[in-house]
N, C-alpha and C. Protein backbone atom coordinates (compact mmCIF):
# COMPACT_ATOMS: atom_id res chain seq x y z
N UNK A 1 -193.61 -270.62 -84.42
CA UNK A 1 -193.34 -269.61 -83.38
C UNK A 1 -194.63 -269.22 -82.66
N UNK A 2 -194.55 -269.17 -81.35
CA UNK A 2 -195.71 -268.80 -80.54
C UNK A 2 -195.88 -267.27 -80.53
N UNK A 3 -197.06 -266.81 -80.93
CA UNK A 3 -197.34 -265.37 -80.96
C UNK A 3 -198.14 -264.99 -79.72
N UNK A 4 -197.62 -264.04 -78.95
CA UNK A 4 -198.29 -263.62 -77.72
C UNK A 4 -199.60 -262.90 -78.04
N UNK A 5 -200.60 -263.13 -77.21
CA UNK A 5 -201.92 -262.50 -77.39
C UNK A 5 -201.81 -260.97 -77.30
N UNK A 6 -200.88 -260.49 -76.48
CA UNK A 6 -200.71 -259.04 -76.33
C UNK A 6 -200.24 -258.39 -77.63
N UNK A 7 -199.38 -259.11 -78.37
CA UNK A 7 -198.90 -258.61 -79.67
C UNK A 7 -200.06 -258.51 -80.66
N UNK A 8 -200.88 -259.56 -80.69
CA UNK A 8 -202.04 -259.61 -81.58
C UNK A 8 -202.98 -258.44 -81.24
N UNK A 9 -203.21 -258.25 -79.94
CA UNK A 9 -204.10 -257.18 -79.46
C UNK A 9 -203.57 -255.80 -79.89
N UNK A 10 -202.26 -255.59 -79.71
CA UNK A 10 -201.65 -254.31 -80.09
C UNK A 10 -201.78 -254.04 -81.58
N UNK A 11 -201.52 -255.07 -82.40
CA UNK A 11 -201.60 -254.93 -83.85
C UNK A 11 -203.04 -254.64 -84.28
N UNK A 12 -203.97 -255.31 -83.62
CA UNK A 12 -205.39 -255.11 -83.94
C UNK A 12 -205.81 -253.67 -83.62
N UNK A 13 -205.39 -253.16 -82.48
CA UNK A 13 -205.73 -251.79 -82.08
C UNK A 13 -205.11 -250.76 -83.03
N UNK A 14 -203.90 -251.04 -83.49
CA UNK A 14 -203.21 -250.13 -84.41
C UNK A 14 -203.83 -250.10 -85.79
N UNK A 15 -204.22 -251.29 -86.29
CA UNK A 15 -204.63 -251.39 -87.70
C UNK A 15 -206.14 -251.51 -87.92
N UNK A 16 -206.86 -251.97 -86.89
CA UNK A 16 -208.30 -252.17 -87.05
C UNK A 16 -208.64 -253.47 -87.77
N UNK A 17 -207.61 -254.28 -88.09
CA UNK A 17 -207.84 -255.57 -88.77
C UNK A 17 -208.37 -256.59 -87.76
N UNK A 18 -208.95 -257.68 -88.26
CA UNK A 18 -209.50 -258.73 -87.41
C UNK A 18 -208.42 -259.47 -86.64
N UNK A 19 -208.82 -260.13 -85.52
CA UNK A 19 -207.88 -260.86 -84.65
C UNK A 19 -207.12 -261.93 -85.43
N UNK A 20 -207.84 -262.75 -86.22
CA UNK A 20 -207.21 -263.84 -86.96
C UNK A 20 -206.25 -263.30 -88.02
N UNK A 21 -206.65 -262.21 -88.69
CA UNK A 21 -205.77 -261.59 -89.70
C UNK A 21 -204.47 -261.12 -89.04
N UNK A 22 -204.60 -260.49 -87.88
CA UNK A 22 -203.43 -260.00 -87.14
C UNK A 22 -202.52 -261.15 -86.73
N UNK A 23 -203.14 -262.22 -86.24
CA UNK A 23 -202.36 -263.40 -85.79
C UNK A 23 -201.60 -264.00 -86.97
N UNK A 24 -202.29 -264.16 -88.11
CA UNK A 24 -201.65 -264.73 -89.31
C UNK A 24 -200.51 -263.85 -89.79
N UNK A 25 -200.74 -262.53 -89.80
CA UNK A 25 -199.70 -261.59 -90.25
C UNK A 25 -198.48 -261.65 -89.34
N UNK A 26 -198.70 -261.74 -88.03
CA UNK A 26 -197.59 -261.83 -87.07
C UNK A 26 -196.83 -263.15 -87.21
N UNK A 27 -197.56 -264.24 -87.47
CA UNK A 27 -196.92 -265.54 -87.68
C UNK A 27 -196.04 -265.49 -88.94
N UNK A 28 -196.61 -264.90 -89.99
CA UNK A 28 -195.89 -264.77 -91.27
C UNK A 28 -194.64 -263.89 -91.11
N UNK A 29 -194.75 -262.87 -90.24
CA UNK A 29 -193.64 -261.93 -90.02
C UNK A 29 -192.73 -262.36 -88.88
N UNK A 30 -192.94 -263.58 -88.37
CA UNK A 30 -192.13 -264.13 -87.26
C UNK A 30 -192.11 -263.18 -86.05
N UNK A 31 -193.26 -262.58 -85.75
CA UNK A 31 -193.39 -261.72 -84.58
C UNK A 31 -192.93 -260.29 -84.77
N UNK A 32 -192.44 -259.95 -85.96
CA UNK A 32 -191.97 -258.59 -86.25
C UNK A 32 -193.18 -257.68 -86.54
N UNK A 33 -193.44 -256.73 -85.62
CA UNK A 33 -194.61 -255.85 -85.74
C UNK A 33 -194.60 -255.03 -87.03
N UNK A 34 -193.44 -254.50 -87.38
CA UNK A 34 -193.31 -253.65 -88.58
C UNK A 34 -193.67 -254.43 -89.84
N UNK A 35 -193.11 -255.65 -89.94
CA UNK A 35 -193.40 -256.52 -91.10
C UNK A 35 -194.88 -256.90 -91.12
N UNK A 36 -195.43 -257.20 -89.96
CA UNK A 36 -196.85 -257.58 -89.86
C UNK A 36 -197.75 -256.44 -90.32
N UNK A 37 -197.39 -255.20 -89.95
CA UNK A 37 -198.15 -254.02 -90.40
C UNK A 37 -198.14 -253.93 -91.92
N UNK A 38 -196.96 -254.13 -92.51
CA UNK A 38 -196.81 -254.07 -93.97
C UNK A 38 -197.65 -255.15 -94.64
N UNK A 39 -197.62 -256.37 -94.09
CA UNK A 39 -198.41 -257.49 -94.64
C UNK A 39 -199.89 -257.13 -94.62
N UNK A 40 -200.38 -256.62 -93.48
CA UNK A 40 -201.80 -256.25 -93.36
C UNK A 40 -202.17 -255.14 -94.32
N UNK A 41 -201.28 -254.15 -94.44
CA UNK A 41 -201.54 -253.02 -95.33
C UNK A 41 -201.64 -253.49 -96.78
N UNK A 42 -200.71 -254.35 -97.19
CA UNK A 42 -200.71 -254.88 -98.55
C UNK A 42 -202.00 -255.66 -98.82
N UNK A 43 -202.37 -256.52 -97.88
CA UNK A 43 -203.60 -257.31 -98.03
C UNK A 43 -204.84 -256.42 -98.06
N UNK A 44 -204.83 -255.41 -97.18
CA UNK A 44 -205.97 -254.49 -97.10
C UNK A 44 -206.18 -253.72 -98.38
N UNK A 45 -205.09 -253.22 -98.97
CA UNK A 45 -205.20 -252.46 -100.21
C UNK A 45 -205.59 -253.36 -101.37
N UNK A 46 -205.10 -254.61 -101.35
CA UNK A 46 -205.47 -255.57 -102.41
C UNK A 46 -206.97 -255.87 -102.32
N UNK A 47 -207.45 -256.07 -101.09
CA UNK A 47 -208.88 -256.34 -100.88
C UNK A 47 -209.69 -255.11 -101.27
N UNK A 48 -209.18 -253.93 -100.95
CA UNK A 48 -209.88 -252.67 -101.28
C UNK A 48 -210.02 -252.52 -102.78
N UNK A 49 -208.96 -252.87 -103.52
CA UNK A 49 -209.00 -252.76 -104.98
C UNK A 49 -210.08 -253.67 -105.55
N UNK A 50 -210.22 -254.89 -104.99
CA UNK A 50 -211.28 -255.81 -105.44
C UNK A 50 -212.66 -255.23 -105.19
N UNK A 51 -212.82 -254.56 -104.04
CA UNK A 51 -214.13 -254.02 -103.66
C UNK A 51 -214.53 -252.81 -104.50
N UNK A 52 -213.54 -252.18 -105.15
CA UNK A 52 -213.81 -250.94 -105.88
C UNK A 52 -214.77 -251.11 -107.05
N UNK A 53 -214.98 -252.35 -107.51
CA UNK A 53 -215.90 -252.58 -108.62
C UNK A 53 -217.35 -252.75 -108.18
N UNK A 54 -217.57 -252.85 -106.89
CA UNK A 54 -218.92 -253.13 -106.39
C UNK A 54 -219.81 -251.89 -106.40
N UNK A 55 -221.10 -252.13 -106.53
CA UNK A 55 -222.09 -251.05 -106.58
C UNK A 55 -222.18 -250.32 -105.24
N UNK A 56 -222.21 -248.98 -105.31
CA UNK A 56 -222.29 -248.16 -104.10
C UNK A 56 -223.40 -247.13 -104.28
N UNK A 57 -224.57 -247.41 -103.69
CA UNK A 57 -225.71 -246.52 -103.90
C UNK A 57 -226.26 -245.91 -102.62
N UNK A 58 -225.65 -246.26 -101.49
CA UNK A 58 -226.01 -245.62 -100.22
C UNK A 58 -225.01 -244.50 -99.98
N UNK A 59 -225.11 -243.82 -98.84
CA UNK A 59 -224.13 -242.80 -98.53
C UNK A 59 -224.73 -241.56 -97.93
N UNK A 60 -224.05 -240.45 -98.18
CA UNK A 60 -224.55 -239.18 -97.63
C UNK A 60 -224.08 -238.00 -98.48
N UNK A 61 -224.80 -236.91 -98.30
CA UNK A 61 -224.37 -235.65 -98.89
C UNK A 61 -223.82 -234.84 -97.73
N UNK A 62 -222.58 -234.45 -97.87
CA UNK A 62 -221.92 -233.74 -96.79
C UNK A 62 -221.53 -232.34 -97.23
N UNK A 63 -221.39 -231.44 -96.26
CA UNK A 63 -221.12 -230.04 -96.57
C UNK A 63 -219.96 -229.50 -95.75
N UNK A 64 -219.41 -228.40 -96.25
CA UNK A 64 -218.37 -227.70 -95.51
C UNK A 64 -218.45 -226.22 -95.88
N UNK A 65 -218.51 -225.37 -94.88
CA UNK A 65 -218.51 -223.92 -95.09
C UNK A 65 -217.24 -223.37 -94.47
N UNK A 66 -216.50 -222.58 -95.25
CA UNK A 66 -215.19 -222.09 -94.83
C UNK A 66 -215.14 -220.55 -94.91
N UNK A 67 -214.18 -220.00 -94.19
CA UNK A 67 -213.88 -218.56 -94.25
C UNK A 67 -215.11 -217.66 -94.04
N UNK A 68 -215.78 -217.88 -92.94
CA UNK A 68 -216.93 -217.03 -92.61
C UNK A 68 -217.99 -217.00 -93.68
N UNK A 69 -218.22 -218.14 -94.31
CA UNK A 69 -219.29 -218.24 -95.30
C UNK A 69 -218.89 -217.79 -96.69
N UNK A 70 -217.60 -217.63 -96.96
CA UNK A 70 -217.15 -217.19 -98.30
C UNK A 70 -216.97 -218.36 -99.27
N UNK A 71 -216.70 -219.55 -98.74
CA UNK A 71 -216.54 -220.75 -99.58
C UNK A 71 -217.40 -221.86 -99.01
N UNK A 72 -218.12 -222.57 -99.89
CA UNK A 72 -218.95 -223.69 -99.46
C UNK A 72 -218.80 -224.86 -100.41
N UNK A 73 -218.90 -226.08 -99.86
CA UNK A 73 -218.77 -227.30 -100.67
C UNK A 73 -219.92 -228.25 -100.35
N UNK A 74 -220.48 -228.85 -101.38
CA UNK A 74 -221.46 -229.93 -101.26
C UNK A 74 -220.84 -231.14 -101.94
N UNK A 75 -220.87 -232.30 -101.28
CA UNK A 75 -220.25 -233.48 -101.87
C UNK A 75 -221.10 -234.71 -101.58
N UNK A 76 -221.31 -235.53 -102.60
CA UNK A 76 -222.03 -236.80 -102.42
C UNK A 76 -221.01 -237.92 -102.35
N UNK A 77 -221.01 -238.63 -101.22
CA UNK A 77 -220.11 -239.74 -100.99
C UNK A 77 -220.95 -241.00 -100.85
N UNK A 78 -220.65 -242.02 -101.66
CA UNK A 78 -221.45 -243.24 -101.67
C UNK A 78 -220.69 -244.45 -101.14
N UNK A 79 -221.47 -245.36 -100.53
CA UNK A 79 -220.95 -246.65 -100.06
C UNK A 79 -222.00 -247.70 -100.39
N UNK A 80 -221.81 -248.92 -99.91
CA UNK A 80 -222.72 -250.01 -100.27
C UNK A 80 -223.93 -250.14 -99.35
N UNK A 81 -223.76 -249.80 -98.07
CA UNK A 81 -224.86 -250.01 -97.12
C UNK A 81 -225.11 -248.77 -96.27
N UNK A 82 -226.35 -248.67 -95.81
CA UNK A 82 -226.75 -247.58 -94.92
C UNK A 82 -225.99 -247.67 -93.60
N UNK A 83 -225.65 -248.90 -93.20
CA UNK A 83 -224.92 -249.13 -91.95
C UNK A 83 -223.58 -248.36 -91.97
N UNK A 84 -222.80 -248.53 -93.04
CA UNK A 84 -221.50 -247.85 -93.17
C UNK A 84 -221.71 -246.35 -93.31
N UNK A 85 -222.75 -245.95 -94.04
CA UNK A 85 -223.03 -244.52 -94.25
C UNK A 85 -223.25 -243.78 -92.93
N UNK A 86 -223.68 -244.50 -91.90
CA UNK A 86 -223.98 -243.88 -90.60
C UNK A 86 -222.80 -243.93 -89.61
N UNK A 87 -221.66 -244.46 -90.05
CA UNK A 87 -220.52 -244.56 -89.14
C UNK A 87 -219.78 -243.22 -89.04
N UNK A 88 -219.11 -243.04 -87.91
CA UNK A 88 -218.30 -241.82 -87.70
C UNK A 88 -217.17 -241.73 -88.73
N UNK A 89 -216.55 -242.89 -89.03
CA UNK A 89 -215.45 -242.90 -90.00
C UNK A 89 -215.89 -242.36 -91.35
N UNK A 90 -217.07 -242.77 -91.79
CA UNK A 90 -217.59 -242.34 -93.10
C UNK A 90 -217.85 -240.83 -93.08
N UNK A 91 -218.41 -240.34 -91.97
CA UNK A 91 -218.68 -238.90 -91.82
C UNK A 91 -217.38 -238.09 -91.82
N UNK A 92 -216.35 -238.62 -91.15
CA UNK A 92 -215.04 -237.95 -91.11
C UNK A 92 -214.45 -237.87 -92.51
N UNK A 93 -214.54 -238.98 -93.25
CA UNK A 93 -214.04 -238.99 -94.62
C UNK A 93 -214.76 -237.94 -95.46
N UNK A 94 -216.09 -237.89 -95.34
CA UNK A 94 -216.87 -236.90 -96.09
C UNK A 94 -216.45 -235.48 -95.78
N UNK A 95 -216.24 -235.18 -94.51
CA UNK A 95 -215.81 -233.84 -94.08
C UNK A 95 -214.42 -233.50 -94.63
N UNK A 96 -213.51 -234.49 -94.54
CA UNK A 96 -212.15 -234.28 -95.06
C UNK A 96 -212.16 -234.02 -96.57
N UNK A 97 -213.00 -234.74 -97.28
CA UNK A 97 -213.09 -234.55 -98.73
C UNK A 97 -213.65 -233.17 -99.08
N UNK A 98 -214.64 -232.73 -98.31
CA UNK A 98 -215.20 -231.38 -98.52
C UNK A 98 -214.13 -230.31 -98.26
N UNK A 99 -213.36 -230.49 -97.20
CA UNK A 99 -212.28 -229.54 -96.90
C UNK A 99 -211.24 -229.53 -98.02
N UNK A 100 -210.96 -230.71 -98.57
CA UNK A 100 -210.02 -230.82 -99.69
C UNK A 100 -210.52 -229.99 -100.89
N UNK A 101 -211.79 -230.15 -101.21
CA UNK A 101 -212.38 -229.42 -102.35
C UNK A 101 -212.36 -227.91 -102.08
N UNK A 102 -212.67 -227.52 -100.85
CA UNK A 102 -212.65 -226.10 -100.50
C UNK A 102 -211.24 -225.52 -100.65
N UNK A 103 -210.23 -226.27 -100.22
CA UNK A 103 -208.85 -225.78 -100.22
C UNK A 103 -208.21 -225.79 -101.60
N UNK A 104 -208.53 -226.81 -102.43
CA UNK A 104 -207.78 -227.00 -103.68
C UNK A 104 -208.56 -226.68 -104.95
N UNK A 105 -209.87 -226.55 -104.83
CA UNK A 105 -210.74 -226.21 -105.96
C UNK A 105 -210.50 -227.09 -107.20
N UNK A 106 -210.64 -228.42 -107.08
CA UNK A 106 -210.47 -229.28 -108.26
C UNK A 106 -211.59 -229.03 -109.28
N UNK A 107 -211.26 -229.16 -110.55
CA UNK A 107 -212.25 -228.93 -111.61
C UNK A 107 -212.95 -230.21 -112.03
N UNK A 108 -212.27 -231.36 -111.79
CA UNK A 108 -212.80 -232.66 -112.20
C UNK A 108 -212.57 -233.67 -111.09
N UNK A 109 -213.30 -234.79 -111.17
CA UNK A 109 -213.11 -235.86 -110.20
C UNK A 109 -211.87 -236.69 -110.55
N UNK A 110 -211.74 -237.07 -111.83
CA UNK A 110 -210.64 -237.93 -112.27
C UNK A 110 -210.21 -237.55 -113.69
N UNK A 111 -209.01 -237.97 -114.11
CA UNK A 111 -208.52 -237.61 -115.45
C UNK A 111 -209.48 -237.99 -116.58
N UNK A 112 -210.20 -239.11 -116.41
CA UNK A 112 -211.15 -239.57 -117.45
C UNK A 112 -212.27 -238.57 -117.69
N UNK A 113 -212.52 -237.69 -116.73
CA UNK A 113 -213.60 -236.69 -116.86
C UNK A 113 -213.18 -235.45 -117.64
N UNK A 114 -211.87 -235.29 -117.87
CA UNK A 114 -211.37 -234.11 -118.58
C UNK A 114 -211.62 -234.29 -120.07
N UNK A 115 -212.27 -233.31 -120.70
CA UNK A 115 -212.61 -233.44 -122.12
C UNK A 115 -211.36 -233.32 -123.00
N UNK A 116 -211.42 -233.95 -124.16
CA UNK A 116 -210.29 -234.01 -125.10
C UNK A 116 -209.79 -232.62 -125.50
N UNK A 117 -210.72 -231.71 -125.72
CA UNK A 117 -210.36 -230.35 -126.16
C UNK A 117 -209.45 -229.67 -125.12
N UNK A 118 -209.81 -229.81 -123.84
CA UNK A 118 -209.02 -229.21 -122.75
C UNK A 118 -207.63 -229.85 -122.69
N UNK A 119 -207.58 -231.19 -122.85
CA UNK A 119 -206.30 -231.90 -122.82
C UNK A 119 -205.41 -231.46 -123.99
N UNK A 120 -206.01 -231.38 -125.18
CA UNK A 120 -205.25 -230.96 -126.38
C UNK A 120 -204.67 -229.57 -126.20
N UNK A 121 -205.48 -228.66 -125.65
CA UNK A 121 -205.04 -227.28 -125.42
C UNK A 121 -203.84 -227.26 -124.46
N UNK A 122 -203.93 -228.06 -123.41
CA UNK A 122 -202.85 -228.13 -122.42
C UNK A 122 -201.59 -228.73 -123.05
N UNK A 123 -201.75 -229.78 -123.86
CA UNK A 123 -200.62 -230.43 -124.53
C UNK A 123 -199.90 -229.48 -125.48
N UNK A 124 -200.66 -228.61 -126.16
CA UNK A 124 -200.06 -227.61 -127.06
C UNK A 124 -199.15 -226.67 -126.28
N UNK A 125 -199.61 -226.26 -125.11
CA UNK A 125 -198.80 -225.37 -124.24
C UNK A 125 -197.51 -226.10 -123.84
N UNK A 126 -197.64 -227.37 -123.42
CA UNK A 126 -196.48 -228.13 -122.98
C UNK A 126 -195.51 -228.41 -124.13
N UNK A 127 -196.06 -228.66 -125.34
CA UNK A 127 -195.20 -228.88 -126.51
C UNK A 127 -194.37 -227.63 -126.80
N UNK A 128 -195.04 -226.49 -126.73
CA UNK A 128 -194.36 -225.21 -126.97
C UNK A 128 -193.25 -224.99 -125.93
N UNK A 129 -193.55 -225.31 -124.67
CA UNK A 129 -192.55 -225.18 -123.60
C UNK A 129 -191.38 -226.13 -123.84
N UNK A 130 -191.68 -227.36 -124.30
CA UNK A 130 -190.65 -228.35 -124.56
C UNK A 130 -189.74 -227.88 -125.71
N UNK A 131 -190.34 -227.31 -126.72
CA UNK A 131 -189.58 -226.80 -127.88
C UNK A 131 -188.62 -225.70 -127.45
N UNK A 132 -189.10 -224.84 -126.56
CA UNK A 132 -188.28 -223.70 -126.11
C UNK A 132 -187.25 -224.09 -125.05
N UNK A 133 -187.39 -225.31 -124.50
CA UNK A 133 -186.49 -225.73 -123.43
C UNK A 133 -185.07 -226.03 -123.91
N UNK A 134 -184.93 -226.23 -125.22
CA UNK A 134 -183.60 -226.56 -125.76
C UNK A 134 -183.26 -228.03 -125.63
N UNK A 135 -184.19 -228.83 -125.10
CA UNK A 135 -183.96 -230.26 -124.95
C UNK A 135 -184.22 -230.96 -126.29
N UNK A 136 -183.58 -232.12 -126.54
CA UNK A 136 -183.77 -232.81 -127.82
C UNK A 136 -185.23 -233.22 -128.06
N UNK A 137 -185.61 -233.23 -129.32
CA UNK A 137 -187.00 -233.52 -129.71
C UNK A 137 -187.47 -234.88 -129.24
N UNK A 138 -186.55 -235.84 -129.16
CA UNK A 138 -186.94 -237.21 -128.77
C UNK A 138 -187.47 -237.29 -127.33
N UNK A 139 -187.16 -236.28 -126.49
CA UNK A 139 -187.65 -236.33 -125.10
C UNK A 139 -188.90 -235.45 -124.88
N UNK A 140 -189.34 -234.77 -125.92
CA UNK A 140 -190.49 -233.87 -125.78
C UNK A 140 -191.75 -234.59 -125.31
N UNK A 141 -192.02 -235.76 -125.88
CA UNK A 141 -193.23 -236.50 -125.49
C UNK A 141 -193.21 -236.88 -124.02
N UNK A 142 -192.01 -237.25 -123.54
CA UNK A 142 -191.85 -237.59 -122.11
C UNK A 142 -192.11 -236.36 -121.24
N UNK A 143 -191.60 -235.21 -121.68
CA UNK A 143 -191.80 -233.94 -120.95
C UNK A 143 -193.29 -233.62 -120.88
N UNK A 144 -193.97 -233.74 -122.03
CA UNK A 144 -195.41 -233.45 -122.11
C UNK A 144 -196.18 -234.39 -121.20
N UNK A 145 -195.83 -235.67 -121.24
CA UNK A 145 -196.50 -236.69 -120.40
C UNK A 145 -196.33 -236.37 -118.91
N UNK A 146 -195.13 -235.99 -118.52
CA UNK A 146 -194.85 -235.64 -117.12
C UNK A 146 -195.63 -234.42 -116.67
N UNK A 147 -195.69 -233.40 -117.53
CA UNK A 147 -196.41 -232.17 -117.19
C UNK A 147 -197.92 -232.43 -117.11
N UNK A 148 -198.41 -233.29 -118.00
CA UNK A 148 -199.83 -233.65 -118.00
C UNK A 148 -200.20 -234.37 -116.71
N UNK A 149 -199.32 -235.28 -116.29
CA UNK A 149 -199.54 -236.03 -115.05
C UNK A 149 -199.60 -235.08 -113.85
N UNK A 150 -198.68 -234.13 -113.82
CA UNK A 150 -198.64 -233.15 -112.74
C UNK A 150 -199.89 -232.28 -112.75
N UNK A 151 -200.33 -231.90 -113.95
CA UNK A 151 -201.53 -231.08 -114.13
C UNK A 151 -202.76 -231.80 -113.57
N UNK A 152 -202.85 -233.12 -113.80
CA UNK A 152 -203.96 -233.91 -113.26
C UNK A 152 -203.98 -233.86 -111.73
N UNK A 153 -202.79 -233.81 -111.11
CA UNK A 153 -202.75 -233.75 -109.64
C UNK A 153 -203.23 -232.40 -109.11
N UNK A 154 -203.33 -231.42 -109.99
CA UNK A 154 -203.84 -230.10 -109.59
C UNK A 154 -205.34 -229.98 -109.83
N UNK A 155 -205.83 -230.54 -110.96
CA UNK A 155 -207.22 -230.30 -111.35
C UNK A 155 -208.18 -231.46 -111.06
N UNK A 156 -207.65 -232.67 -110.78
CA UNK A 156 -208.51 -233.83 -110.55
C UNK A 156 -208.46 -234.24 -109.08
N UNK A 157 -209.60 -234.22 -108.43
CA UNK A 157 -209.69 -234.50 -106.99
C UNK A 157 -209.01 -235.81 -106.59
N UNK A 158 -209.28 -236.90 -107.31
CA UNK A 158 -208.72 -238.20 -106.93
C UNK A 158 -207.20 -238.26 -107.01
N UNK A 159 -206.61 -237.43 -107.87
CA UNK A 159 -205.15 -237.45 -108.06
C UNK A 159 -204.43 -236.46 -107.14
N UNK A 160 -205.17 -235.60 -106.47
CA UNK A 160 -204.53 -234.57 -105.62
C UNK A 160 -203.91 -235.18 -104.37
N UNK A 161 -202.80 -234.58 -103.90
CA UNK A 161 -202.27 -234.98 -102.59
C UNK A 161 -203.26 -234.56 -101.51
N UNK A 162 -203.49 -235.41 -100.54
CA UNK A 162 -204.43 -235.13 -99.45
C UNK A 162 -203.86 -234.00 -98.59
N UNK A 163 -204.65 -232.96 -98.34
CA UNK A 163 -204.15 -231.78 -97.61
C UNK A 163 -203.66 -232.11 -96.20
N UNK A 164 -204.23 -233.14 -95.57
CA UNK A 164 -203.81 -233.50 -94.21
C UNK A 164 -202.61 -234.45 -94.19
N UNK A 165 -202.31 -235.07 -95.34
CA UNK A 165 -201.17 -235.98 -95.46
C UNK A 165 -200.73 -236.02 -96.92
N UNK A 166 -199.92 -235.06 -97.35
CA UNK A 166 -199.53 -234.94 -98.77
C UNK A 166 -198.79 -236.14 -99.35
N UNK A 167 -198.40 -237.10 -98.50
CA UNK A 167 -197.72 -238.30 -99.00
C UNK A 167 -198.69 -239.27 -99.68
N UNK A 168 -199.99 -239.06 -99.45
CA UNK A 168 -200.97 -239.94 -100.11
C UNK A 168 -201.93 -239.09 -100.95
N UNK A 169 -202.47 -239.71 -102.00
CA UNK A 169 -203.45 -239.03 -102.85
C UNK A 169 -204.85 -239.28 -102.29
N UNK A 170 -205.82 -238.55 -102.80
CA UNK A 170 -207.22 -238.76 -102.40
C UNK A 170 -207.66 -240.17 -102.79
N UNK A 171 -207.17 -240.65 -103.93
CA UNK A 171 -207.45 -242.02 -104.38
C UNK A 171 -206.95 -243.03 -103.34
N UNK A 172 -205.73 -242.82 -102.82
CA UNK A 172 -205.17 -243.69 -101.78
C UNK A 172 -205.97 -243.60 -100.48
N UNK A 173 -206.41 -242.38 -100.16
CA UNK A 173 -207.22 -242.17 -98.96
C UNK A 173 -208.51 -242.98 -99.05
N UNK A 174 -209.16 -242.96 -100.20
CA UNK A 174 -210.38 -243.74 -100.40
C UNK A 174 -210.09 -245.23 -100.22
N UNK A 175 -208.98 -245.70 -100.79
CA UNK A 175 -208.62 -247.12 -100.67
C UNK A 175 -208.42 -247.51 -99.20
N UNK A 176 -207.81 -246.61 -98.42
CA UNK A 176 -207.62 -246.89 -96.99
C UNK A 176 -208.96 -247.07 -96.29
N UNK A 177 -209.91 -246.19 -96.61
CA UNK A 177 -211.24 -246.29 -95.98
C UNK A 177 -212.01 -247.50 -96.49
N UNK A 178 -211.83 -247.87 -97.76
CA UNK A 178 -212.47 -249.07 -98.30
C UNK A 178 -211.96 -250.29 -97.53
N UNK A 179 -210.64 -250.34 -97.31
CA UNK A 179 -210.03 -251.45 -96.57
C UNK A 179 -210.53 -251.46 -95.12
N UNK A 180 -210.64 -250.28 -94.54
CA UNK A 180 -211.04 -250.17 -93.13
C UNK A 180 -212.51 -250.51 -92.92
N UNK A 181 -213.39 -250.00 -93.80
CA UNK A 181 -214.83 -250.17 -93.61
C UNK A 181 -215.39 -251.39 -94.34
N UNK A 182 -214.60 -251.99 -95.24
CA UNK A 182 -215.01 -253.23 -95.90
C UNK A 182 -216.05 -253.07 -96.98
N UNK A 183 -216.20 -251.86 -97.50
CA UNK A 183 -217.16 -251.61 -98.58
C UNK A 183 -216.55 -250.69 -99.63
N UNK A 184 -217.09 -250.78 -100.84
CA UNK A 184 -216.67 -249.84 -101.87
C UNK A 184 -217.16 -248.44 -101.49
N UNK A 185 -216.33 -247.44 -101.70
CA UNK A 185 -216.68 -246.05 -101.41
C UNK A 185 -216.31 -245.22 -102.63
N UNK A 186 -217.24 -244.43 -103.12
CA UNK A 186 -216.93 -243.57 -104.27
C UNK A 186 -217.43 -242.14 -104.04
N UNK A 187 -216.70 -241.21 -104.61
CA UNK A 187 -217.17 -239.82 -104.63
C UNK A 187 -218.02 -239.70 -105.88
N UNK A 188 -219.30 -239.46 -105.70
CA UNK A 188 -220.21 -239.41 -106.85
C UNK A 188 -220.10 -238.06 -107.58
N UNK A 189 -220.13 -236.98 -106.78
CA UNK A 189 -220.05 -235.64 -107.38
C UNK A 189 -219.79 -234.62 -106.28
N UNK A 190 -219.36 -233.44 -106.72
CA UNK A 190 -219.11 -232.36 -105.77
C UNK A 190 -219.29 -231.02 -106.48
N UNK A 191 -219.56 -230.00 -105.68
CA UNK A 191 -219.63 -228.65 -106.22
C UNK A 191 -219.06 -227.70 -105.18
N UNK A 192 -218.33 -226.70 -105.66
CA UNK A 192 -217.70 -225.72 -104.76
C UNK A 192 -218.21 -224.34 -105.14
N UNK A 193 -218.65 -223.60 -104.15
CA UNK A 193 -219.14 -222.23 -104.35
C UNK A 193 -218.19 -221.25 -103.67
N UNK A 194 -217.94 -220.15 -104.32
CA UNK A 194 -217.14 -219.09 -103.70
C UNK A 194 -217.85 -217.77 -103.99
N UNK A 195 -218.05 -217.00 -102.93
CA UNK A 195 -218.74 -215.71 -103.06
C UNK A 195 -218.00 -214.83 -104.06
N UNK A 196 -218.76 -214.29 -105.04
CA UNK A 196 -218.19 -213.33 -105.99
C UNK A 196 -217.47 -213.96 -107.17
N UNK A 197 -217.42 -215.33 -107.24
CA UNK A 197 -216.70 -215.91 -108.38
C UNK A 197 -217.49 -215.78 -109.67
N UNK A 198 -216.77 -215.80 -110.78
CA UNK A 198 -217.43 -215.71 -112.10
C UNK A 198 -218.24 -216.96 -112.35
N UNK A 199 -219.45 -216.80 -112.87
CA UNK A 199 -220.30 -217.96 -113.18
C UNK A 199 -219.98 -218.45 -114.58
């Protein structure tokens, strides 16, 4: 099937993928734009997952001050090259992540960072709730697992729904930018300050 150059151009503008990638996706999708978008997205996320293991030591420290100086966030965002660190897209991602931290106050970056003692304490609460729920004992572990998963989406930045698009997590947002910019991107660390909070 002959793919029109205008279709390739439109898909490229929409997705940011290369001309040849767009042409191949459209050929594979028999000219169907929707299918071609899905093909590119699947390939992009697969490529992004591969890139996630690569070393990322460049980047920037970005800030966000909210509510007339009552809340402030400092965040270190890393990538592989200084070139990507200086792009507008990378700066936008850094700002969005800072706003996320300001709005949601995550305690950890990812579930692996939560200490065992804190997890055990939370599981005890969930076990007690499961016992009082009147549900059979055989489903208690499933209930605890579900509640723990939900808890991670509240306290771990990477698992939180993105405030600007709650259909995706921060982890998914990073993967989108990895696919778009072609480099591994990681959140190294962050800190949130709020005037008058307990130290």
